[in-house]
Amino acid sequence: MVPLKYWLLRLCRRATPKTLINFMLDRGIYLKPGGETSRPQEVAALYLECMARNGLNLKGSAVCVVGYGGSYGIGIHLLAAGASRVILQDPYAPPKRWRNRQIPAELMARYFRQEKGQWIPDSDKLVLRHEELSLYAERNPESVDFVVSRSTFEHVSNVQGLVTPCWQVLRPGGARNPHY
């Protein structure tokens, strides 16, 4: 049974304006961002460790990160570890400029180009999708080798509605590692 306090806090969060939520998340005020956003290098290492334990290899693979939280860091670290392409998917989190400015410029320059002071991702390497995964999966079935996610599914009211497109976007023989 989920504690009443949890549900009350979730309800308050859903009723709070999105700009205030983003402000609080960016600054760690009461709300804490997920690992992909706050500790991308650590979470990328956890994904790699999980893959290795299961005899899987990231090298040359396409990865979809479900609920990336707005930080490019997780994608950059997966690419640096050998992924050929990373899709960062989150319908609710726009890129977090404040967090992304914390990524060292030399790391950003590997996978982005600068245009008018903005970092633009190399679309052959890093793809940003701010839409429901089901829409992406319809247009891009069997397009990735791995689907990974942490701290996402507990925020979704229709879990099966998210699990199904995870399977649809996977290539035959692909693997998913959603973490609750």
N, C-alpha and C. Protein backbone atom coordinates (compact mmCIF):
# COMPACT_ATOMS: atom_id res chain seq x y z
N MET A 1 0.84 -1.19 0.00
CA MET A 1 0.00 0.00 0.00
C MET A 1 0.89 1.25 0.00
N VAL A 2 0.62 2.15 -0.91
CA VAL A 2 1.39 3.39 -1.01
C VAL A 2 0.91 4.34 0.08
N PRO A 3 1.83 4.95 0.83
CA PRO A 3 1.45 5.85 1.92
C PRO A 3 0.64 7.06 1.42
N LEU A 4 -0.28 7.50 2.25
CA LEU A 4 -1.13 8.65 1.93
C LEU A 4 -0.29 9.90 1.67
N LYS A 5 0.79 10.08 2.43
CA LYS A 5 1.65 11.26 2.25
C LYS A 5 2.18 11.31 0.81
N TYR A 6 2.56 10.15 0.26
CA TYR A 6 3.05 10.10 -1.12
C TYR A 6 1.99 10.63 -2.08
N TRP A 7 0.76 10.14 -1.93
CA TRP A 7 -0.31 10.55 -2.85
C TRP A 7 -0.64 12.04 -2.71
N LEU A 8 -0.61 12.54 -1.49
CA LEU A 8 -0.87 13.97 -1.28
C LEU A 8 0.20 14.82 -1.95
N LEU A 9 1.46 14.42 -1.80
CA LEU A 9 2.54 15.17 -2.45
C LEU A 9 2.45 15.09 -3.97
N ARG A 10 2.09 13.93 -4.50
CA ARG A 10 1.93 13.78 -5.96
C ARG A 10 0.80 14.69 -6.46
N LEU A 11 -0.30 14.73 -5.73
CA LEU A 11 -1.42 15.58 -6.11
C LEU A 11 -1.02 17.04 -6.10
N CYS A 12 -0.30 17.47 -5.06
CA CYS A 12 0.18 18.86 -5.00
C CYS A 12 1.08 19.17 -6.18
N ARG A 13 1.95 18.23 -6.52
CA ARG A 13 2.87 18.46 -7.63
C ARG A 13 2.10 18.61 -8.95
N ARG A 14 1.10 17.77 -9.14
CA ARG A 14 0.32 17.86 -10.39
C ARG A 14 -0.47 19.16 -10.48
N ALA A 15 -0.83 19.74 -9.36
CA ALA A 15 -1.61 20.98 -9.35
C ALA A 15 -0.72 22.23 -9.39
N THR A 16 0.58 22.05 -9.26
CA THR A 16 1.51 23.18 -9.23
C THR A 16 1.89 23.56 -10.67
N PRO A 17 1.94 24.85 -10.98
CA PRO A 17 2.32 25.27 -12.34
C PRO A 17 3.68 24.69 -12.77
N LYS A 18 3.74 24.30 -14.02
CA LYS A 18 4.94 23.64 -14.55
C LYS A 18 6.19 24.52 -14.41
N THR A 19 6.06 25.82 -14.58
CA THR A 19 7.24 26.69 -14.45
C THR A 19 7.80 26.64 -13.04
N LEU A 20 6.93 26.57 -12.05
CA LEU A 20 7.39 26.47 -10.66
C LEU A 20 8.03 25.10 -10.41
N ILE A 21 7.43 24.05 -10.94
CA ILE A 21 8.00 22.70 -10.81
C ILE A 21 9.40 22.67 -11.41
N ASN A 22 9.56 23.20 -12.62
CA ASN A 22 10.88 23.20 -13.28
C ASN A 22 11.90 24.00 -12.47
N PHE A 23 11.49 25.14 -11.94
CA PHE A 23 12.37 25.95 -11.10
C PHE A 23 12.84 25.14 -9.90
N MET A 24 11.91 24.46 -9.24
CA MET A 24 12.24 23.66 -8.05
C MET A 24 13.12 22.47 -8.41
N LEU A 25 12.82 21.79 -9.51
CA LEU A 25 13.63 20.65 -9.95
C LEU A 25 15.05 21.09 -10.29
N ASP A 26 15.18 22.17 -11.04
CA ASP A 26 16.51 22.65 -11.44
C ASP A 26 17.38 23.00 -10.25
N ARG A 27 16.77 23.43 -9.17
CA ARG A 27 17.54 23.86 -8.01
C ARG A 27 17.51 22.86 -6.86
N GLY A 28 16.84 21.72 -7.07
CA GLY A 28 16.78 20.70 -6.03
C GLY A 28 16.01 21.14 -4.80
N ILE A 29 15.04 22.04 -4.98
CA ILE A 29 14.23 22.52 -3.86
C ILE A 29 13.09 21.52 -3.65
N TYR A 30 13.18 20.77 -2.62
CA TYR A 30 12.22 19.76 -2.22
C TYR A 30 12.06 18.64 -3.25
N LEU A 31 11.88 18.98 -4.50
CA LEU A 31 11.78 17.98 -5.56
C LEU A 31 13.17 17.63 -6.05
N LYS A 32 13.41 16.37 -6.23
CA LYS A 32 14.73 15.93 -6.71
C LYS A 32 14.58 15.35 -8.11
N PRO A 33 15.43 15.81 -9.04
CA PRO A 33 15.38 15.24 -10.39
C PRO A 33 15.88 13.80 -10.39
N GLY A 34 15.48 13.04 -11.39
CA GLY A 34 15.92 11.65 -11.53
C GLY A 34 17.41 11.57 -11.83
N GLY A 35 17.92 10.36 -11.76
CA GLY A 35 19.35 10.13 -11.95
C GLY A 35 19.87 10.54 -13.31
N GLU A 36 19.09 10.32 -14.37
CA GLU A 36 19.55 10.72 -15.71
C GLU A 36 19.83 12.21 -15.76
N THR A 37 19.08 12.98 -14.99
CA THR A 37 19.25 14.43 -14.98
C THR A 37 20.34 14.88 -14.02
N SER A 38 20.34 14.31 -12.82
CA SER A 38 21.26 14.81 -11.78
C SER A 38 22.60 14.07 -11.71
N ARG A 39 22.63 12.81 -12.13
CA ARG A 39 23.87 12.01 -12.06
C ARG A 39 24.05 11.20 -13.34
N PRO A 40 24.12 11.85 -14.50
CA PRO A 40 24.12 11.11 -15.77
C PRO A 40 25.29 10.14 -15.93
N GLN A 41 26.47 10.52 -15.51
CA GLN A 41 27.63 9.63 -15.67
C GLN A 41 27.46 8.37 -14.81
N GLU A 42 26.98 8.54 -13.60
CA GLU A 42 26.74 7.41 -12.71
C GLU A 42 25.66 6.48 -13.26
N VAL A 43 24.58 7.04 -13.76
CA VAL A 43 23.49 6.24 -14.30
C VAL A 43 23.92 5.53 -15.58
N ALA A 44 24.69 6.20 -16.43
CA ALA A 44 25.21 5.54 -17.63
C ALA A 44 26.07 4.34 -17.23
N ALA A 45 26.88 4.48 -16.20
CA ALA A 45 27.71 3.37 -15.71
C ALA A 45 26.84 2.22 -15.20
N LEU A 46 25.73 2.56 -14.53
CA LEU A 46 24.81 1.52 -14.05
C LEU A 46 24.19 0.77 -15.22
N TYR A 47 23.79 1.48 -16.26
CA TYR A 47 23.24 0.82 -17.45
C TYR A 47 24.27 -0.11 -18.07
N LEU A 48 25.50 0.36 -18.19
CA LEU A 48 26.57 -0.47 -18.77
C LEU A 48 26.83 -1.71 -17.92
N GLU A 49 26.81 -1.55 -16.62
CA GLU A 49 27.02 -2.67 -15.71
C GLU A 49 25.90 -3.71 -15.86
N CYS A 50 24.67 -3.24 -15.95
CA CYS A 50 23.52 -4.13 -16.14
C CYS A 50 23.62 -4.87 -17.47
N MET A 51 24.02 -4.16 -18.52
CA MET A 51 24.19 -4.79 -19.83
C MET A 51 25.26 -5.87 -19.77
N ALA A 52 26.39 -5.55 -19.15
CA ALA A 52 27.50 -6.51 -19.05
C ALA A 52 27.08 -7.76 -18.28
N ARG A 53 26.34 -7.57 -17.18
CA ARG A 53 25.86 -8.72 -16.39
C ARG A 53 24.98 -9.65 -17.22
N ASN A 54 24.31 -9.08 -18.20
CA ASN A 54 23.41 -9.87 -19.06
C ASN A 54 24.04 -10.26 -20.40
N GLY A 55 25.35 -10.07 -20.51
CA GLY A 55 26.06 -10.46 -21.72
C GLY A 55 25.78 -9.57 -22.92
N LEU A 56 25.38 -8.33 -22.66
CA LEU A 56 25.05 -7.40 -23.74
C LEU A 56 26.16 -6.36 -23.87
N ASN A 57 26.31 -5.82 -25.08
CA ASN A 57 27.36 -4.84 -25.35
C ASN A 57 26.75 -3.59 -25.97
N LEU A 58 27.12 -2.46 -25.43
CA LEU A 58 26.61 -1.18 -25.92
C LEU A 58 27.26 -0.73 -27.23
N LYS A 59 28.47 -1.17 -27.49
CA LYS A 59 29.25 -0.71 -28.65
C LYS A 59 28.45 -0.82 -29.95
N GLY A 60 28.32 0.31 -30.62
CA GLY A 60 27.63 0.35 -31.92
C GLY A 60 26.12 0.24 -31.85
N SER A 61 25.55 0.30 -30.67
CA SER A 61 24.11 0.12 -30.49
C SER A 61 23.36 1.45 -30.45
N ALA A 62 22.09 1.37 -30.80
CA ALA A 62 21.18 2.51 -30.66
C ALA A 62 20.42 2.34 -29.35
N VAL A 63 20.32 3.42 -28.57
CA VAL A 63 19.70 3.37 -27.25
C VAL A 63 18.61 4.43 -27.16
N CYS A 64 17.48 4.07 -26.59
CA CYS A 64 16.42 5.04 -26.29
C CYS A 64 16.33 5.19 -24.78
N VAL A 65 16.51 6.41 -24.30
CA VAL A 65 16.39 6.72 -22.87
C VAL A 65 14.99 7.30 -22.66
N VAL A 66 14.13 6.55 -21.99
CA VAL A 66 12.75 6.97 -21.75
C VAL A 66 12.71 7.82 -20.49
N GLY A 67 12.23 9.06 -20.62
CA GLY A 67 12.15 9.96 -19.48
C GLY A 67 13.50 10.51 -19.09
N TYR A 68 14.20 11.12 -20.05
CA TYR A 68 15.58 11.57 -19.80
C TYR A 68 15.66 12.81 -18.91
N GLY A 69 14.59 13.52 -18.70
CA GLY A 69 14.56 14.61 -17.74
C GLY A 69 15.10 15.95 -18.19
N GLY A 70 15.52 16.08 -19.44
CA GLY A 70 15.96 17.38 -19.93
C GLY A 70 17.46 17.61 -19.94
N SER A 71 18.23 16.68 -19.38
CA SER A 71 19.69 16.83 -19.37
C SER A 71 20.31 15.98 -20.47
N TYR A 72 21.15 16.60 -21.28
CA TYR A 72 21.83 15.87 -22.36
C TYR A 72 22.88 14.90 -21.82
N GLY A 73 23.25 15.04 -20.55
CA GLY A 73 24.36 14.29 -19.97
C GLY A 73 24.26 12.80 -20.15
N ILE A 74 23.08 12.20 -19.92
CA ILE A 74 22.96 10.75 -20.04
C ILE A 74 23.25 10.31 -21.47
N GLY A 75 22.77 11.06 -22.45
CA GLY A 75 23.03 10.71 -23.85
C GLY A 75 24.50 10.84 -24.19
N ILE A 76 25.13 11.90 -23.73
CA ILE A 76 26.55 12.12 -24.00
C ILE A 76 27.39 11.00 -23.40
N HIS A 77 27.07 10.58 -22.17
CA HIS A 77 27.86 9.53 -21.53
C HIS A 77 27.63 8.16 -22.18
N LEU A 78 26.43 7.89 -22.66
CA LEU A 78 26.19 6.64 -23.38
C LEU A 78 26.92 6.64 -24.73
N LEU A 79 26.93 7.78 -25.41
CA LEU A 79 27.69 7.88 -26.66
C LEU A 79 29.19 7.71 -26.40
N ALA A 80 29.69 8.35 -25.36
CA ALA A 80 31.11 8.24 -25.02
C ALA A 80 31.48 6.80 -24.67
N ALA A 81 30.52 6.03 -24.16
CA ALA A 81 30.76 4.63 -23.79
C ALA A 81 30.65 3.68 -24.98
N GLY A 82 30.26 4.21 -26.16
CA GLY A 82 30.25 3.37 -27.35
C GLY A 82 28.94 3.26 -28.11
N ALA A 83 27.86 3.82 -27.59
CA ALA A 83 26.60 3.78 -28.34
C ALA A 83 26.77 4.53 -29.65
N SER A 84 26.15 4.05 -30.71
CA SER A 84 26.25 4.73 -32.01
C SER A 84 25.23 5.86 -32.12
N ARG A 85 24.12 5.71 -31.39
CA ARG A 85 23.04 6.71 -31.46
C ARG A 85 22.24 6.63 -30.17
N VAL A 86 21.81 7.79 -29.67
CA VAL A 86 20.99 7.83 -28.46
C VAL A 86 19.77 8.71 -28.73
N ILE A 87 18.61 8.17 -28.41
CA ILE A 87 17.36 8.92 -28.51
C ILE A 87 16.98 9.30 -27.08
N LEU A 88 16.89 10.58 -26.80
CA LEU A 88 16.48 11.07 -25.49
C LEU A 88 15.00 11.44 -25.59
N GLN A 89 14.15 10.67 -24.92
CA GLN A 89 12.71 10.84 -25.04
C GLN A 89 12.13 11.28 -23.71
N ASP A 90 11.33 12.32 -23.74
CA ASP A 90 10.58 12.76 -22.56
C ASP A 90 9.54 13.78 -23.04
N PRO A 91 8.26 13.45 -22.93
CA PRO A 91 7.25 14.39 -23.42
C PRO A 91 7.06 15.60 -22.50
N TYR A 92 7.57 15.52 -21.28
CA TYR A 92 7.28 16.56 -20.30
C TYR A 92 8.47 17.44 -19.93
N ALA A 93 9.66 17.01 -20.24
CA ALA A 93 10.85 17.77 -19.81
C ALA A 93 11.57 18.39 -21.00
N PRO A 94 11.45 19.68 -21.15
CA PRO A 94 12.23 20.35 -22.20
C PRO A 94 13.70 20.34 -21.79
N PRO A 95 14.61 20.60 -22.73
CA PRO A 95 16.03 20.67 -22.35
C PRO A 95 16.24 21.66 -21.21
N LYS A 96 17.01 21.23 -20.24
CA LYS A 96 17.30 22.05 -19.06
C LYS A 96 18.59 22.83 -19.30
N ARG A 97 18.46 24.07 -19.75
CA ARG A 97 19.64 24.87 -20.08
C ARG A 97 20.61 24.97 -18.91
N TRP A 98 20.08 25.18 -17.72
CA TRP A 98 20.92 25.32 -16.53
C TRP A 98 21.77 24.06 -16.32
N ARG A 99 21.15 22.89 -16.41
CA ARG A 99 21.89 21.63 -16.24
C ARG A 99 22.84 21.38 -17.40
N ASN A 100 22.39 21.65 -18.60
CA ASN A 100 23.22 21.37 -19.77
C ASN A 100 24.43 22.29 -19.84
N ARG A 101 24.34 23.49 -19.27
CA ARG A 101 25.51 24.38 -19.21
C ARG A 101 26.59 23.83 -18.30
N GLN A 102 26.24 22.91 -17.41
CA GLN A 102 27.22 22.32 -16.50
C GLN A 102 28.06 21.23 -17.17
N ILE A 103 27.64 20.77 -18.33
CA ILE A 103 28.39 19.75 -19.06
C ILE A 103 29.60 20.43 -19.69
N PRO A 104 30.81 19.87 -19.49
CA PRO A 104 32.01 20.51 -20.06
C PRO A 104 31.90 20.71 -21.57
N ALA A 105 32.33 21.88 -22.03
CA ALA A 105 32.22 22.24 -23.45
C ALA A 105 32.92 21.23 -24.35
N GLU A 106 34.06 20.69 -23.91
CA GLU A 106 34.78 19.72 -24.76
C GLU A 106 33.97 18.43 -24.95
N LEU A 107 33.17 18.07 -23.95
CA LEU A 107 32.30 16.90 -24.07
C LEU A 107 31.12 17.22 -24.98
N MET A 108 30.53 18.40 -24.81
CA MET A 108 29.42 18.83 -25.67
C MET A 108 29.86 18.89 -27.13
N ALA A 109 31.06 19.39 -27.38
CA ALA A 109 31.55 19.58 -28.75
C ALA A 109 31.69 18.27 -29.52
N ARG A 110 31.78 17.15 -28.83
CA ARG A 110 31.87 15.85 -29.52
C ARG A 110 30.58 15.49 -30.25
N TYR A 111 29.45 15.91 -29.69
CA TYR A 111 28.15 15.46 -30.20
C TYR A 111 27.19 16.60 -30.55
N PHE A 112 27.66 17.84 -30.41
CA PHE A 112 26.85 19.03 -30.69
C PHE A 112 27.68 20.01 -31.51
N ARG A 113 26.99 20.93 -32.15
CA ARG A 113 27.65 22.06 -32.79
C ARG A 113 27.02 23.32 -32.20
N GLN A 114 27.77 24.40 -32.22
CA GLN A 114 27.22 25.66 -31.70
C GLN A 114 26.68 26.50 -32.85
N GLU A 115 25.49 27.04 -32.62
CA GLU A 115 24.84 27.91 -33.58
C GLU A 115 24.19 29.05 -32.80
N LYS A 116 24.65 30.26 -33.03
CA LYS A 116 24.10 31.44 -32.37
C LYS A 116 24.06 31.26 -30.85
N GLY A 117 25.14 30.71 -30.30
CA GLY A 117 25.24 30.54 -28.86
C GLY A 117 24.48 29.36 -28.29
N GLN A 118 23.84 28.57 -29.14
CA GLN A 118 23.06 27.40 -28.70
C GLN A 118 23.76 26.12 -29.14
N TRP A 119 23.71 25.10 -28.28
CA TRP A 119 24.23 23.78 -28.65
C TRP A 119 23.14 23.03 -29.42
N ILE A 120 23.46 22.60 -30.63
CA ILE A 120 22.54 21.86 -31.49
C ILE A 120 23.08 20.43 -31.61
N PRO A 121 22.27 19.41 -31.25
CA PRO A 121 22.79 18.04 -31.32
C PRO A 121 23.04 17.57 -32.74
N ASP A 122 24.06 16.73 -32.89
CA ASP A 122 24.33 16.04 -34.15
C ASP A 122 23.25 14.97 -34.28
N SER A 123 22.30 15.16 -35.18
CA SER A 123 21.13 14.28 -35.26
C SER A 123 21.47 12.85 -35.68
N ASP A 124 22.66 12.63 -36.18
CA ASP A 124 23.08 11.26 -36.47
C ASP A 124 23.47 10.52 -35.18
N LYS A 125 23.78 11.28 -34.13
CA LYS A 125 24.24 10.70 -32.87
C LYS A 125 23.23 10.85 -31.74
N LEU A 126 22.63 12.02 -31.63
CA LEU A 126 21.76 12.33 -30.50
C LEU A 126 20.46 12.93 -31.00
N VAL A 127 19.35 12.29 -30.63
CA VAL A 127 18.02 12.72 -31.09
C VAL A 127 17.19 13.08 -29.86
N LEU A 128 16.59 14.25 -29.87
CA LEU A 128 15.71 14.68 -28.79
C LEU A 128 14.26 14.51 -29.23
N ARG A 129 13.46 13.78 -28.44
CA ARG A 129 12.05 13.56 -28.77
C ARG A 129 11.21 14.01 -27.59
N HIS A 130 10.47 15.09 -27.77
CA HIS A 130 9.58 15.60 -26.73
C HIS A 130 8.15 15.27 -27.11
N GLU A 131 7.88 13.98 -27.14
CA GLU A 131 6.57 13.45 -27.48
C GLU A 131 6.39 12.14 -26.74
N GLU A 132 5.15 11.66 -26.72
CA GLU A 132 4.88 10.35 -26.11
C GLU A 132 5.67 9.28 -26.85
N LEU A 133 6.17 8.30 -26.12
CA LEU A 133 6.95 7.22 -26.74
C LEU A 133 6.11 6.46 -27.76
N SER A 134 4.81 6.34 -27.52
CA SER A 134 3.94 5.62 -28.46
C SER A 134 3.97 6.27 -29.85
N LEU A 135 4.01 7.60 -29.90
CA LEU A 135 4.07 8.29 -31.20
C LEU A 135 5.40 8.04 -31.90
N TYR A 136 6.48 8.10 -31.13
CA TYR A 136 7.80 7.83 -31.69
C TYR A 136 7.87 6.39 -32.19
N ALA A 137 7.34 5.44 -31.41
CA ALA A 137 7.39 4.02 -31.77
C ALA A 137 6.59 3.74 -33.05
N GLU A 138 5.48 4.43 -33.24
CA GLU A 138 4.68 4.23 -34.46
C GLU A 138 5.49 4.59 -35.71
N ARG A 139 6.24 5.68 -35.63
CA ARG A 139 7.03 6.14 -36.78
C ARG A 139 8.38 5.44 -36.90
N ASN A 140 8.86 4.88 -35.80
CA ASN A 140 10.20 4.28 -35.77
C ASN A 140 10.20 2.91 -35.12
N PRO A 141 9.38 1.98 -35.61
CA PRO A 141 9.36 0.66 -34.99
C PRO A 141 10.70 -0.05 -35.20
N GLU A 142 11.05 -0.88 -34.22
CA GLU A 142 12.26 -1.70 -34.31
C GLU A 142 13.48 -0.86 -34.69
N SER A 143 13.66 0.27 -34.02
CA SER A 143 14.73 1.20 -34.39
C SER A 143 15.87 1.29 -33.38
N VAL A 144 15.74 0.64 -32.21
CA VAL A 144 16.80 0.72 -31.21
C VAL A 144 17.14 -0.67 -30.68
N ASP A 145 18.34 -0.78 -30.13
CA ASP A 145 18.81 -2.04 -29.56
C ASP A 145 18.50 -2.15 -28.07
N PHE A 146 18.47 -0.99 -27.41
CA PHE A 146 18.21 -0.96 -25.97
C PHE A 146 17.24 0.16 -25.63
N VAL A 147 16.35 -0.12 -24.68
CA VAL A 147 15.49 0.90 -24.09
C VAL A 147 15.83 0.91 -22.60
N VAL A 148 16.21 2.06 -22.10
CA VAL A 148 16.57 2.18 -20.68
C VAL A 148 15.76 3.30 -20.04
N SER A 149 15.54 3.16 -18.73
CA SER A 149 14.77 4.15 -18.01
C SER A 149 14.95 3.94 -16.51
N ARG A 150 15.03 5.04 -15.80
CA ARG A 150 15.07 5.01 -14.33
C ARG A 150 14.17 6.14 -13.83
N SER A 151 13.53 5.92 -12.75
CA SER A 151 12.73 6.97 -12.10
C SER A 151 11.70 7.58 -13.05
N THR A 152 11.08 6.76 -13.88
CA THR A 152 10.08 7.25 -14.82
C THR A 152 8.74 6.56 -14.63
N PHE A 153 8.76 5.24 -14.56
CA PHE A 153 7.52 4.48 -14.58
C PHE A 153 6.62 4.77 -13.37
N GLU A 154 7.21 5.13 -12.23
CA GLU A 154 6.38 5.41 -11.06
C GLU A 154 5.61 6.71 -11.21
N HIS A 155 5.93 7.50 -12.23
CA HIS A 155 5.22 8.76 -12.47
C HIS A 155 4.13 8.64 -13.53
N VAL A 156 3.99 7.46 -14.10
CA VAL A 156 3.08 7.24 -15.22
C VAL A 156 1.81 6.57 -14.71
N SER A 157 0.65 7.13 -15.08
CA SER A 157 -0.61 6.53 -14.62
C SER A 157 -0.96 5.27 -15.41
N ASN A 158 -0.54 5.18 -16.67
CA ASN A 158 -0.82 4.00 -17.50
C ASN A 158 0.52 3.34 -17.85
N VAL A 159 1.00 2.49 -16.95
CA VAL A 159 2.31 1.85 -17.15
C VAL A 159 2.31 1.01 -18.41
N GLN A 160 1.26 0.23 -18.64
CA GLN A 160 1.22 -0.61 -19.84
C GLN A 160 1.27 0.24 -21.10
N GLY A 161 0.69 1.44 -21.04
CA GLY A 161 0.74 2.36 -22.18
C GLY A 161 2.15 2.84 -22.48
N LEU A 162 3.06 2.69 -21.54
CA LEU A 162 4.46 3.04 -21.77
C LEU A 162 5.30 1.79 -22.07
N VAL A 163 4.96 0.67 -21.45
CA VAL A 163 5.71 -0.56 -21.69
C VAL A 163 5.54 -1.05 -23.13
N THR A 164 4.32 -0.98 -23.63
CA THR A 164 4.05 -1.47 -25.00
C THR A 164 4.92 -0.77 -26.05
N PRO A 165 5.01 0.58 -26.07
CA PRO A 165 5.88 1.20 -27.06
C PRO A 165 7.37 0.92 -26.81
N CYS A 166 7.74 0.60 -25.56
CA CYS A 166 9.13 0.19 -25.31
C CYS A 166 9.46 -1.05 -26.13
N TRP A 167 8.53 -2.01 -26.14
CA TRP A 167 8.73 -3.23 -26.93
C TRP A 167 8.66 -2.92 -28.43
N GLN A 168 7.77 -2.03 -28.84
CA GLN A 168 7.61 -1.73 -30.26
C GLN A 168 8.84 -1.08 -30.87
N VAL A 169 9.52 -0.26 -30.11
CA VAL A 169 10.67 0.47 -30.64
C VAL A 169 11.93 -0.41 -30.69
N LEU A 170 11.90 -1.55 -29.97
CA LEU A 170 13.06 -2.44 -29.94
C LEU A 170 13.20 -3.26 -31.22
N ARG A 171 14.43 -3.41 -31.66
CA ARG A 171 14.72 -4.32 -32.76
C ARG A 171 14.59 -5.75 -32.25
N PRO A 172 14.37 -6.71 -33.14
CA PRO A 172 14.36 -8.11 -32.69
C PRO A 172 15.70 -8.43 -31.99
N GLY A 173 15.59 -9.04 -30.83
CA GLY A 173 16.79 -9.34 -30.05
C GLY A 173 17.22 -8.20 -29.14
N GLY A 174 16.52 -7.07 -29.20
CA GLY A 174 16.87 -5.93 -28.36
C GLY A 174 16.49 -6.19 -26.91
N ALA A 175 16.95 -5.30 -26.03
CA ALA A 175 16.69 -5.47 -24.60
C ALA A 175 16.19 -4.19 -23.99
N ARG A 176 15.33 -4.31 -23.01
CA ARG A 176 14.88 -3.13 -22.28
C ARG A 176 15.22 -3.31 -20.82
N ASN A 177 15.46 -2.20 -20.17
CA ASN A 177 15.84 -2.21 -18.77
C ASN A 177 15.15 -1.09 -18.03
N PRO A 178 13.81 -1.10 -17.99
CA PRO A 178 13.15 -0.06 -17.20
C PRO A 178 13.37 -0.33 -15.72
N HIS A 179 13.60 0.69 -14.97
CA HIS A 179 13.86 0.60 -13.54
C HIS A 179 12.81 1.42 -12.81
N TYR A 180 12.13 0.82 -11.90
CA TYR A 180 11.09 1.53 -11.14
C TYR A 180 11.70 2.20 -9.94
